[in-house]
Amino acid sequence: VQLVESGGGLVQAGGSLRLSCAASGSTFSINAMGWYRQAPGRQRELVALITSGKVSINYADSVKGRFTASRDNAKNTMYLQMTSLKPEDTAVYYCNALDYELGSYWGQGTQVTVSS
């Protein structure tokens, strides 16, 4: 599975961005997809997780009500709509795909910078 993120950039506080993650390869075996982020000097943290099958979406408390994750299976693409952005949302955002049998896959990351 190959993952390519796009949509990052520089935005002012209160603004919005939409990230995309295009998946290719053996996408039929993906059990869950998620967005993670890593700020300088901090550990990578889960932002949103979309599980397949009985679809559910879970968010980190820090982004609830502001971020919306979605997945278009026909396009093999996952999105993260981010609104009311805050400087503390500044990080490299990574797309992840999880296959329970084959393992975890990561994209290269996209930088999101929120200025105050």
C-alpha atoms as a PDB file:
ATOM      1  CA  VAL A   1       0.000   0.000   0.000  1.00  0.00           C
ATOM      2  CA  GLN A   2       1.312   3.433  -0.954  1.00  0.00           C
ATOM      3  CA  LEU A   3      -0.014   6.623   0.623  1.00  0.00           C
ATOM      4  CA  VAL A   4       0.450  10.175  -0.622  1.00  0.00           C
ATOM      5  CA  GLU A   5      -0.719  13.155   1.420  1.00  0.00           C
ATOM      6  CA  SER A   6      -1.442  16.607   0.051  1.00  0.00           C
ATOM      7  CA  GLY A   7      -3.145  19.815   1.073  1.00  0.00           C
ATOM      8  CA  GLY A   8      -0.880  21.123   3.792  1.00  0.00           C
ATOM      9  CA  GLY A   9       0.295  24.709   3.961  1.00  0.00           C
ATOM     10  CA  LEU A  10       0.407  27.929   5.922  1.00  0.00           C
ATOM     11  CA  VAL A  11      -2.819  29.345   7.298  1.00  0.00           C
ATOM     12  CA  GLN A  12      -3.777  31.964   9.853  1.00  0.00           C
ATOM     13  CA  ALA A  13      -5.394  31.018  13.124  1.00  0.00           C
ATOM     14  CA  GLY A  14      -9.102  30.483  12.641  1.00  0.00           C
ATOM     15  CA  GLY A  15      -8.633  29.363   9.066  1.00  0.00           C
ATOM     16  CA  SER A  16      -9.289  26.039   7.365  1.00  0.00           C
ATOM     17  CA  LEU A  17      -7.407  23.436   5.366  1.00  0.00           C
ATOM     18  CA  ARG A  18      -8.341  20.128   3.826  1.00  0.00           C
ATOM     19  CA  LEU A  19      -5.806  17.344   3.687  1.00  0.00           C
ATOM     20  CA  SER A  20      -6.057  14.425   1.285  1.00  0.00           C
ATOM     21  CA  CYS A  21      -4.480  10.997   1.396  1.00  0.00           C
ATOM     22  CA  ALA A  22      -4.511   8.969  -1.808  1.00  0.00           C
ATOM     23  CA  ALA A  23      -3.981   5.241  -1.372  1.00  0.00           C
ATOM     24  CA  SER A  24      -2.815   2.828  -4.049  1.00  0.00           C
ATOM     25  CA  GLY A  25      -1.815  -0.815  -4.180  1.00  0.00           C
ATOM     26  CA  SER A  26      -3.580  -3.503  -2.130  1.00  0.00           C
ATOM     27  CA  THR A  27      -6.156  -1.125  -0.710  1.00  0.00           C
ATOM     28  CA  PHE A  28      -8.849  -3.805  -0.487  1.00  0.00           C
ATOM     29  CA  SER A  29      -7.153  -5.287   2.576  1.00  0.00           C
ATOM     30  CA  ILE A  30      -7.030  -2.058   4.594  1.00  0.00           C
ATOM     31  CA  ASN A  31      -8.890  -2.416   7.892  1.00  0.00           C
ATOM     32  CA  ALA A  32      -8.501   1.144   9.148  1.00  0.00           C
ATOM     33  CA  MET A  33      -7.086   4.470   8.048  1.00  0.00           C
ATOM     34  CA  GLY A  34      -6.038   7.327  10.228  1.00  0.00           C
ATOM     35  CA  TRP A  35      -4.521  10.765  10.439  1.00  0.00           C
ATOM     36  CA  TYR A  36      -1.646  11.370  12.818  1.00  0.00           C
ATOM     37  CA  ARG A  37       0.418  14.457  13.509  1.00  0.00           C
ATOM     38  CA  GLN A  38       3.802  15.200  14.968  1.00  0.00           C
ATOM     39  CA  ALA A  39       4.901  18.588  16.223  1.00  0.00           C
ATOM     40  CA  PRO A  40       8.593  19.419  16.779  1.00  0.00           C
ATOM     41  CA  GLY A  41       9.880  17.797  19.950  1.00  0.00           C
ATOM     42  CA  ARG A  42       6.679  15.854  20.512  1.00  0.00           C
ATOM     43  CA  GLN A  43       5.560  12.294  19.903  1.00  0.00           C
ATOM     44  CA  ARG A  44       3.353  11.422  16.984  1.00  0.00           C
ATOM     45  CA  GLU A  45      -0.283  11.460  18.049  1.00  0.00           C
ATOM     46  CA  LEU A  46      -3.503  10.135  16.608  1.00  0.00           C
ATOM     47  CA  VAL A  47      -5.837  12.791  15.232  1.00  0.00           C
ATOM     48  CA  ALA A  48      -8.615  10.741  13.649  1.00  0.00           C
ATOM     49  CA  LEU A  49      -9.199   7.073  12.921  1.00  0.00           C
ATOM     50  CA  ILE A  50     -11.655   5.600  10.427  1.00  0.00           C
ATOM     51  CA  THR A  51     -12.319   1.897  10.770  1.00  0.00           C
ATOM     52  CA  SER A  52     -13.658  -0.222   7.925  1.00  0.00           C
ATOM     53  CA  GLY A  53     -16.440  -2.764   8.163  1.00  0.00           C
ATOM     54  CA  LYS A  54     -18.611  -1.338  10.891  1.00  0.00           C
ATOM     55  CA  VAL A  55     -17.471   2.175  10.043  1.00  0.00           C
ATOM     56  CA  SER A  56     -16.625   4.387  12.962  1.00  0.00           C
ATOM     57  CA  ILE A  57     -14.614   7.576  13.258  1.00  0.00           C
ATOM     58  CA  ASN A  58     -12.777   8.532  16.417  1.00  0.00           C
ATOM     59  CA  TYR A  59     -11.096  11.864  17.119  1.00  0.00           C
ATOM     60  CA  ALA A  60      -8.528  13.149  19.550  1.00  0.00           C
ATOM     61  CA  ASP A  61     -10.149  15.367  22.169  1.00  0.00           C
ATOM     62  CA  SER A  62      -8.064  18.328  21.016  1.00  0.00           C
ATOM     63  CA  VAL A  63      -9.678  18.347  17.561  1.00  0.00           C
ATOM     64  CA  LYS A  64     -13.248  17.266  18.286  1.00  0.00           C
ATOM     65  CA  GLY A  65     -15.746  19.670  16.786  1.00  0.00           C
ATOM     66  CA  ARG A  66     -13.106  21.257  14.552  1.00  0.00           C
ATOM     67  CA  PHE A  67     -11.770  18.424  12.388  1.00  0.00           C
ATOM     68  CA  THR A  68     -13.760  16.028  10.233  1.00  0.00           C
ATOM     69  CA  ALA A  69     -12.300  12.872   8.718  1.00  0.00           C
ATOM     70  CA  SER A  70     -13.913  11.111   5.803  1.00  0.00           C
ATOM     71  CA  ARG A  71     -13.116   8.412   3.299  1.00  0.00           C
ATOM     72  CA  ASP A  72     -14.123   7.994  -0.332  1.00  0.00           C
ATOM     73  CA  ASN A  73     -13.703   4.293  -1.038  1.00  0.00           C
ATOM     74  CA  ALA A  74     -14.396   4.726  -4.754  1.00  0.00           C
ATOM     75  CA  LYS A  75     -11.407   7.070  -5.003  1.00  0.00           C
ATOM     76  CA  ASN A  76      -9.284   5.274  -2.391  1.00  0.00           C
ATOM     77  CA  THR A  77      -8.839   8.629  -0.740  1.00  0.00           C
ATOM     78  CA  MET A  78      -9.160   9.827   2.834  1.00  0.00           C
ATOM     79  CA  TYR A  79      -9.687  13.442   3.815  1.00  0.00           C
ATOM     80  CA  LEU A  80      -9.222  15.588   6.877  1.00  0.00           C
ATOM     81  CA  GLN A  81     -11.198  18.801   6.899  1.00  0.00           C
ATOM     82  CA  MET A  82      -9.680  21.114   9.482  1.00  0.00           C
ATOM     83  CA  THR A  83     -11.498  24.239  10.630  1.00  0.00           C
ATOM     84  CA  SER A  84     -10.929  26.820  13.373  1.00  0.00           C
ATOM     85  CA  LEU A  85      -7.248  26.033  13.210  1.00  0.00           C
ATOM     86  CA  LYS A  86      -5.049  26.987  16.146  1.00  0.00           C
ATOM     87  CA  PRO A  87      -1.279  27.545  16.341  1.00  0.00           C
ATOM     88  CA  GLU A  88      -1.050  24.365  18.419  1.00  0.00           C
ATOM     89  CA  ASP A  89      -2.322  22.426  15.397  1.00  0.00           C
ATOM     90  CA  THR A  90       0.998  23.136  13.689  1.00  0.00           C
ATOM     91  CA  ALA A  91       2.626  19.814  12.868  1.00  0.00           C
ATOM     92  CA  VAL A  92       3.500  17.390  10.134  1.00  0.00           C
ATOM     93  CA  TYR A  93       0.353  15.415   9.386  1.00  0.00           C
ATOM     94  CA  TYR A  94       0.702  11.789   8.352  1.00  0.00           C
ATOM     95  CA  CYS A  95      -1.710   9.375   6.760  1.00  0.00           C
ATOM     96  CA  ASN A  96      -1.702   5.794   8.006  1.00  0.00           C
ATOM     97  CA  ALA A  97      -3.287   2.611   6.669  1.00  0.00           C
ATOM     98  CA  LEU A  98      -3.578  -0.483   8.814  1.00  0.00           C
ATOM     99  CA  ASP A  99      -3.860  -4.028   7.536  1.00  0.00           C
ATOM    100  CA  TYR A 100      -4.361  -6.352  10.488  1.00  0.00           C
ATOM    101  CA  GLU A 101      -2.358  -9.097   8.749  1.00  0.00           C
ATOM    102  CA  LEU A 102       0.264  -7.228   6.750  1.00  0.00           C
ATOM    103  CA  GLY A 103       0.987  -4.299   9.021  1.00  0.00           C
ATOM    104  CA  SER A 104       0.954  -0.535   9.014  1.00  0.00           C
ATOM    105  CA  TYR A 105       1.763   1.860   6.179  1.00  0.00           C
ATOM    106  CA  TRP A 106       2.670   5.553   6.345  1.00  0.00           C
ATOM    107  CA  GLY A 107       2.671   8.441   3.934  1.00  0.00           C
ATOM    108  CA  GLN A 108       5.519  10.923   3.698  1.00  0.00           C
ATOM    109  CA  GLY A 109       3.665  13.602   5.654  1.00  0.00           C
ATOM    110  CA  THR A 110       2.464  17.103   4.860  1.00  0.00           C
ATOM    111  CA  GLN A 111       3.324  20.224   6.844  1.00  0.00           C
ATOM    112  CA  VAL A 112       0.553  22.295   8.389  1.00  0.00           C
ATOM    113  CA  THR A 113       1.582  25.617   9.888  1.00  0.00           C
ATOM    114  CA  VAL A 114      -0.913  27.838  11.691  1.00  0.00           C
ATOM    115  CA  SER A 115       0.215  31.384  12.393  1.00  0.00           C
ATOM    116  CA  SER A 116      -1.154  33.429  15.264  1.00  0.00           C
END
